[in-house]
Amino acid sequence: MNDPAKPTREQRLAQRLRDNLHRRKAQSRAMATQDSADATGDTDAGHLPNGAPPR
């Protein structure tokens, strides 16, 4: 029943927190790129990596 290869609840939650942090950092970098592109007038750099238009 206790499979050593199966992560515990705490390990799963810790991994989810790390993944969320990475995702939020990437979003923050994309927003910063968008803000700097808006300031310079560059319209192409404002798009998010997945192709979604900026808000």
C-alpha atoms as a PDB file:
ATOM      1  CA  MET A   1       0.000   0.000   0.000  1.00  0.00           C
ATOM      2  CA  ASN A   2       2.818   2.456   0.787  1.00  0.00           C
ATOM      3  CA  ASP A   3       4.610   2.622  -2.539  1.00  0.00           C
ATOM      4  CA  PRO A   4       7.948   4.454  -2.038  1.00  0.00           C
ATOM      5  CA  ALA A   5       7.804   5.787  -5.610  1.00  0.00           C
ATOM      6  CA  LYS A   6       4.413   7.425  -4.991  1.00  0.00           C
ATOM      7  CA  PRO A   7       4.815  10.994  -3.691  1.00  0.00           C
ATOM      8  CA  THR A   8       3.189  11.928  -0.421  1.00  0.00           C
ATOM      9  CA  ARG A   9       0.503  14.590  -0.177  1.00  0.00           C
ATOM     10  CA  GLU A  10       3.059  17.110   1.075  1.00  0.00           C
ATOM     11  CA  GLN A  11       5.380  16.342  -1.840  1.00  0.00           C
ATOM     12  CA  ARG A  12       2.532  16.734  -4.341  1.00  0.00           C
ATOM     13  CA  LEU A  13       1.505  20.067  -2.793  1.00  0.00           C
ATOM     14  CA  ALA A  14       5.097  21.294  -2.754  1.00  0.00           C
ATOM     15  CA  GLN A  15       5.440  20.427  -6.448  1.00  0.00           C
ATOM     16  CA  ARG A  16       2.202  22.246  -7.257  1.00  0.00           C
ATOM     17  CA  LEU A  17       3.451  25.320  -5.394  1.00  0.00           C
ATOM     18  CA  ARG A  18       6.717  25.249  -7.359  1.00  0.00           C
ATOM     19  CA  ASP A  19       4.827  24.876 -10.640  1.00  0.00           C
ATOM     20  CA  ASN A  20       2.530  27.755  -9.717  1.00  0.00           C
ATOM     21  CA  LEU A  21       5.515  29.941  -8.824  1.00  0.00           C
ATOM     22  CA  HIS A  22       7.174  29.205 -12.171  1.00  0.00           C
ATOM     23  CA  ARG A  23       3.940  29.980 -14.017  1.00  0.00           C
ATOM     24  CA  ARG A  24       3.426  33.261 -12.150  1.00  0.00           C
ATOM     25  CA  LYS A  25       7.038  34.307 -12.777  1.00  0.00           C
ATOM     26  CA  ALA A  26       6.591  33.612 -16.493  1.00  0.00           C
ATOM     27  CA  GLN A  27       3.391  35.656 -16.518  1.00  0.00           C
ATOM     28  CA  SER A  28       5.155  38.476 -14.692  1.00  0.00           C
ATOM     29  CA  ARG A  29       8.012  38.450 -17.204  1.00  0.00           C
ATOM     30  CA  ALA A  30       5.510  38.492 -20.089  1.00  0.00           C
ATOM     31  CA  MET A  31       3.682  41.442 -18.540  1.00  0.00           C
ATOM     32  CA  ALA A  32       6.969  43.295 -18.008  1.00  0.00           C
ATOM     33  CA  THR A  33       7.889  42.661 -21.646  1.00  0.00           C
ATOM     34  CA  GLN A  34       4.478  43.931 -22.687  1.00  0.00           C
ATOM     35  CA  ASP A  35       4.860  47.069 -20.571  1.00  0.00           C
ATOM     36  CA  SER A  36       8.295  47.838 -21.989  1.00  0.00           C
ATOM     37  CA  ALA A  37       7.032  47.174 -25.525  1.00  0.00           C
ATOM     38  CA  ASP A  38       4.129  49.556 -24.945  1.00  0.00           C
ATOM     39  CA  ALA A  39       6.554  52.230 -23.800  1.00  0.00           C
ATOM     40  CA  THR A  40       8.727  51.820 -26.904  1.00  0.00           C
ATOM     41  CA  GLY A  41       5.814  51.372 -29.309  1.00  0.00           C
ATOM     42  CA  ASP A  42       6.777  47.820 -30.295  1.00  0.00           C
ATOM     43  CA  THR A  43       3.490  45.966 -30.819  1.00  0.00           C
ATOM     44  CA  ASP A  44       4.866  42.500 -31.652  1.00  0.00           C
ATOM     45  CA  ALA A  45       6.597  41.889 -28.286  1.00  0.00           C
ATOM     46  CA  GLY A  46       3.350  42.386 -26.339  1.00  0.00           C
ATOM     47  CA  HIS A  47       1.891  38.994 -27.192  1.00  0.00           C
ATOM     48  CA  LEU A  48       2.056  36.214 -24.657  1.00  0.00           C
ATOM     49  CA  PRO A  49       4.083  33.080 -25.552  1.00  0.00           C
ATOM     50  CA  ASN A  50       0.969  30.981 -26.198  1.00  0.00           C
ATOM     51  CA  GLY A  51      -0.229  33.417 -28.865  1.00  0.00           C
ATOM     52  CA  ALA A  52      -3.017  34.930 -26.788  1.00  0.00           C
ATOM     53  CA  PRO A  53      -3.398  38.667 -27.273  1.00  0.00           C
ATOM     54  CA  PRO A  54      -2.418  40.879 -24.337  1.00  0.00           C
ATOM     55  CA  ARG A  55      -5.139  42.299 -22.135  1.00  0.00           C
END
